Protein backbone atom coordinates (compact mmCIF):
# COMPACT_ATOMS: atom_id res chain seq x y z
CA UNK A 1 6.73 11.62 63.40
CA UNK A 2 6.69 13.78 66.48
CA UNK A 3 3.77 13.50 68.88
CA UNK A 4 1.07 16.08 68.41
CA UNK A 5 -2.08 17.07 70.22
CA UNK A 6 -5.68 16.20 69.40
CA UNK A 7 -5.73 19.88 68.39
CA UNK A 8 -3.06 19.48 65.79
CA UNK A 9 -4.68 16.28 64.60
CA UNK A 10 -8.04 18.00 64.31
CA UNK A 11 -6.66 21.06 62.62
CA UNK A 12 -4.52 19.10 60.16
CA UNK A 13 -7.35 16.75 59.33
CA UNK A 14 -9.62 19.73 58.70
CA UNK A 15 -7.02 21.47 56.48
CA UNK A 16 -6.31 18.24 54.61
CA UNK A 17 -10.05 17.65 54.17
CA UNK A 18 -10.21 21.08 52.52
CA UNK A 19 -7.53 19.79 50.12
CA UNK A 20 -9.46 16.47 49.77
CA UNK A 21 -6.66 14.36 51.17
CA UNK A 22 -6.22 12.77 54.63
CA UNK A 23 -2.85 11.31 55.28
CA UNK A 24 -3.22 8.10 57.31
CA UNK A 25 -0.06 8.76 59.33
CA UNK A 26 -1.88 11.62 61.10
CA UNK A 27 -4.17 9.03 62.78
CA UNK A 28 -1.29 6.86 64.00
CA UNK A 29 1.00 9.30 65.82
CA UNK A 30 -1.10 11.41 68.21
CA UNK A 31 -0.99 11.58 71.97
CA UNK A 32 -3.25 13.39 74.42
CA UNK A 33 -2.46 16.95 75.19
CA UNK A 34 1.02 16.81 73.56
CA UNK A 35 1.71 19.88 71.49
CA UNK A 36 4.37 19.68 68.84
CA UNK A 37 5.84 23.10 68.02
CA UNK A 38 6.76 21.63 64.67
CA UNK A 39 3.11 20.67 63.90
CA UNK A 40 1.87 24.07 65.10
CA UNK A 41 4.32 25.83 62.78
CA UNK A 42 3.51 23.54 59.88
CA UNK A 43 -0.15 24.44 60.32
CA UNK A 44 0.81 28.11 60.51
CA UNK A 45 2.70 27.84 57.21
CA UNK A 46 -0.35 26.16 55.60
CA UNK A 47 -2.60 28.83 57.04
CA UNK A 48 -0.53 31.66 55.65
CA UNK A 49 -0.26 29.94 52.29
CA UNK A 50 -4.06 29.43 52.16
CA UNK A 51 -4.65 33.06 53.21
CA UNK A 52 -2.19 34.35 50.56
CA UNK A 53 -3.97 32.35 47.85
CA UNK A 54 -7.33 33.74 48.98
CA UNK A 55 -5.96 37.31 48.85
CA UNK A 56 -4.48 36.82 45.36
CA UNK A 57 -7.80 35.46 44.11
CA UNK A 58 -9.65 38.41 45.57
CA UNK A 59 -7.18 40.94 44.12
CA UNK A 60 -7.72 39.37 40.71
CA UNK A 61 -11.52 39.10 41.19
CA UNK A 62 -11.80 42.82 42.07
CA UNK A 63 -8.99 44.12 39.81
CA UNK A 64 -11.44 46.65 38.39
CA UNK A 65 -11.85 48.28 41.81
CA UNK A 66 -8.34 49.53 42.40
CA UNK A 67 -8.56 50.37 46.18
CA UNK A 68 -10.01 46.94 47.00
CA UNK A 69 -7.52 45.15 44.73
CA UNK A 70 -4.70 47.03 46.43
CA UNK A 71 -5.86 45.93 49.89
CA UNK A 72 -5.83 42.26 48.80
CA UNK A 73 -2.46 42.63 47.00
CA UNK A 74 -0.93 44.05 50.18
CA UNK A 75 -2.46 41.31 52.33
CA UNK A 76 -1.17 38.67 49.93
CA UNK A 77 2.34 40.14 50.17
CA UNK A 78 2.07 40.23 53.99
CA UNK A 79 0.94 36.62 54.05
CA UNK A 80 3.85 35.59 51.92
CA UNK A 81 6.18 37.36 54.38
CA UNK A 82 4.51 35.60 57.31
CA UNK A 83 4.80 32.24 55.50
CA UNK A 84 8.48 32.84 55.04
CA UNK A 85 8.96 33.75 58.71
CA UNK A 86 7.16 30.66 59.84
CA UNK A 87 9.26 28.47 57.47
CA UNK A 88 12.34 30.14 59.06
CA UNK A 89 11.06 29.29 62.52
CA UNK A 90 10.24 25.76 61.37
CA UNK A 91 13.86 25.27 60.14
CA UNK A 92 15.03 26.10 63.62
CA UNK A 93 12.78 23.77 65.51
CA UNK A 94 13.99 20.39 66.72
CA UNK A 95 10.79 18.35 66.62
CA UNK A 96 10.12 17.74 70.29
CA UNK A 97 6.59 18.18 71.51
CA UNK A 98 5.63 19.60 74.84
CA UNK A 99 2.71 19.56 77.17
CA UNK A 100 0.31 22.46 77.12
CA UNK A 101 0.79 24.67 80.24
CA UNK A 102 -2.66 23.64 81.45
CA UNK A 103 -5.97 22.16 80.42
CA UNK A 104 -7.39 25.62 79.63
CA UNK A 105 -4.60 26.38 77.25
CA UNK A 106 -4.92 23.01 75.60
CA UNK A 107 -8.67 23.48 75.06
CA UNK A 108 -8.27 27.05 73.82
CA UNK A 109 -5.80 25.89 71.16
CA UNK A 110 -8.22 23.12 70.18
CA UNK A 111 -11.06 25.56 69.94
CA UNK A 112 -8.91 27.85 67.78
CA UNK A 113 -8.18 25.05 65.34
CA UNK A 114 -11.94 24.36 65.12
CA UNK A 115 -12.72 27.92 64.26
CA UNK A 116 -14.76 28.87 61.19
CA UNK A 117 -11.55 29.54 59.25
CA UNK A 118 -10.92 25.78 59.10
CA UNK A 119 -14.62 24.98 58.48
CA UNK A 120 -15.28 23.06 55.29
CA UNK A 121 -18.43 25.12 54.76
CA UNK A 122 -16.52 28.38 54.64
CA UNK A 123 -17.78 30.60 51.83
CA UNK A 124 -16.03 29.68 48.57
CA UNK A 125 -14.27 32.40 46.74
CA UNK A 126 -16.64 31.94 43.74
CA UNK A 127 -19.59 32.74 46.00
CA UNK A 128 -18.14 36.13 46.98
CA UNK A 129 -19.75 38.75 44.84
CA UNK A 130 -18.96 42.08 46.41
CA UNK A 131 -15.88 43.76 47.76
CA UNK A 132 -17.62 44.15 51.12
CA UNK A 133 -18.16 40.34 51.34
CA UNK A 134 -14.58 39.74 50.36
CA UNK A 135 -13.30 42.18 53.02
CA UNK A 136 -15.59 40.63 55.66
CA UNK A 137 -14.27 37.18 54.76
CA UNK A 138 -10.70 38.53 55.00
CA UNK A 139 -11.45 39.92 58.49
CA UNK A 140 -12.84 36.59 59.57
CA UNK A 141 -9.72 34.87 58.25
CA UNK A 142 -7.42 37.24 60.06
CA UNK A 143 -9.34 36.99 63.34
CA UNK A 144 -9.29 33.18 63.17
CA UNK A 145 -5.61 33.13 62.38
CA UNK A 146 -4.86 35.58 65.20
CA UNK A 147 -6.84 33.54 67.67
CA UNK A 148 -4.98 30.34 66.60
CA UNK A 149 -1.51 31.94 66.90
CA UNK A 150 -2.37 33.57 70.23
CA UNK A 151 -3.63 30.30 71.62
CA UNK A 152 -0.48 28.47 70.53
CA UNK A 153 1.59 31.11 72.28
CA UNK A 154 -0.54 30.78 75.43
CA UNK A 155 -0.23 26.98 75.36
CA UNK A 156 3.45 26.45 74.62
CA UNK A 157 5.09 29.81 75.15
CA UNK A 158 6.13 32.59 72.84
CA UNK A 159 9.15 33.76 70.93
CA UNK A 160 10.08 37.21 69.66
CA UNK A 161 9.30 35.99 66.10
CA UNK A 162 5.86 34.60 67.06
CA UNK A 163 5.11 37.83 68.97
CA UNK A 164 5.94 39.81 65.84
CA UNK A 165 3.67 37.66 63.70
CA UNK A 166 0.84 38.06 66.26
CA UNK A 167 1.31 41.78 66.19
CA UNK A 168 1.15 41.78 62.40
CA UNK A 169 -2.10 39.76 62.47
CA UNK A 170 -3.54 42.23 64.98
CA UNK A 171 -2.54 45.03 62.63
CA UNK A 172 -4.46 43.34 59.79
CA UNK A 173 -7.57 42.90 61.96
CA UNK A 174 -7.48 46.64 62.94
CA UNK A 175 -6.77 47.84 59.40
CA UNK A 176 -9.55 45.67 57.83
CA UNK A 177 -11.99 46.76 60.55
CA UNK A 178 -11.15 50.42 59.73
CA UNK A 179 -11.69 49.84 56.05
CA UNK A 180 -14.99 48.07 56.51
CA UNK A 181 -16.38 50.60 59.00
CA UNK A 182 -15.03 53.85 57.64
CA UNK A 183 -13.49 53.17 54.23
CA UNK A 184 -10.09 54.11 55.71
CA UNK A 185 -6.96 53.41 53.64
CA UNK A 186 -5.52 49.93 54.24
CA UNK A 187 -1.84 49.83 55.24
CA UNK A 188 0.22 46.73 54.77
CA UNK A 189 3.40 45.86 56.64
CA UNK A 190 5.54 47.60 54.08
CA UNK A 191 3.58 50.83 54.17
CA UNK A 192 4.75 53.80 56.31
CA UNK A 193 2.33 54.63 59.12
């Protein structure tokens, strides 16, 4: 297994704890301030998959409220596209880790992985009763994901593909904010602007 950072270890353990499994090999193969691009991309794939599942659940839960269901359906489609893009990037990565550019970058990535999105106490989908709550939760998810991807870019460098994904996440944050604040129409990646 490639070396990963404490950040990747923490984030993976948090994600696996959400799934109620903790692979013992995560404990054994970690080194200080090493960042594995492979581990970061694997976490990104898991993040997009989790986000997509949440959006599908919310689209089903609010199927009777067409505009809200459409927002979540578009978000689910976008997350599936992001997941596929990260899987493509993952297939092109060799496995080597690399040092974070500096301590600040390393700690920023670590903070991003510890964000509320990865928190075990995050509001369960069953607890979400209103479209407004669901949209607010979606906005939190998108902001946490954006923060994580941006911090990875800052720590280990970017790529055109990662930049495009970051731009798409920013678009989701802006679009969800507009919907929440002014009931504007949500536009997904496939919609004309």
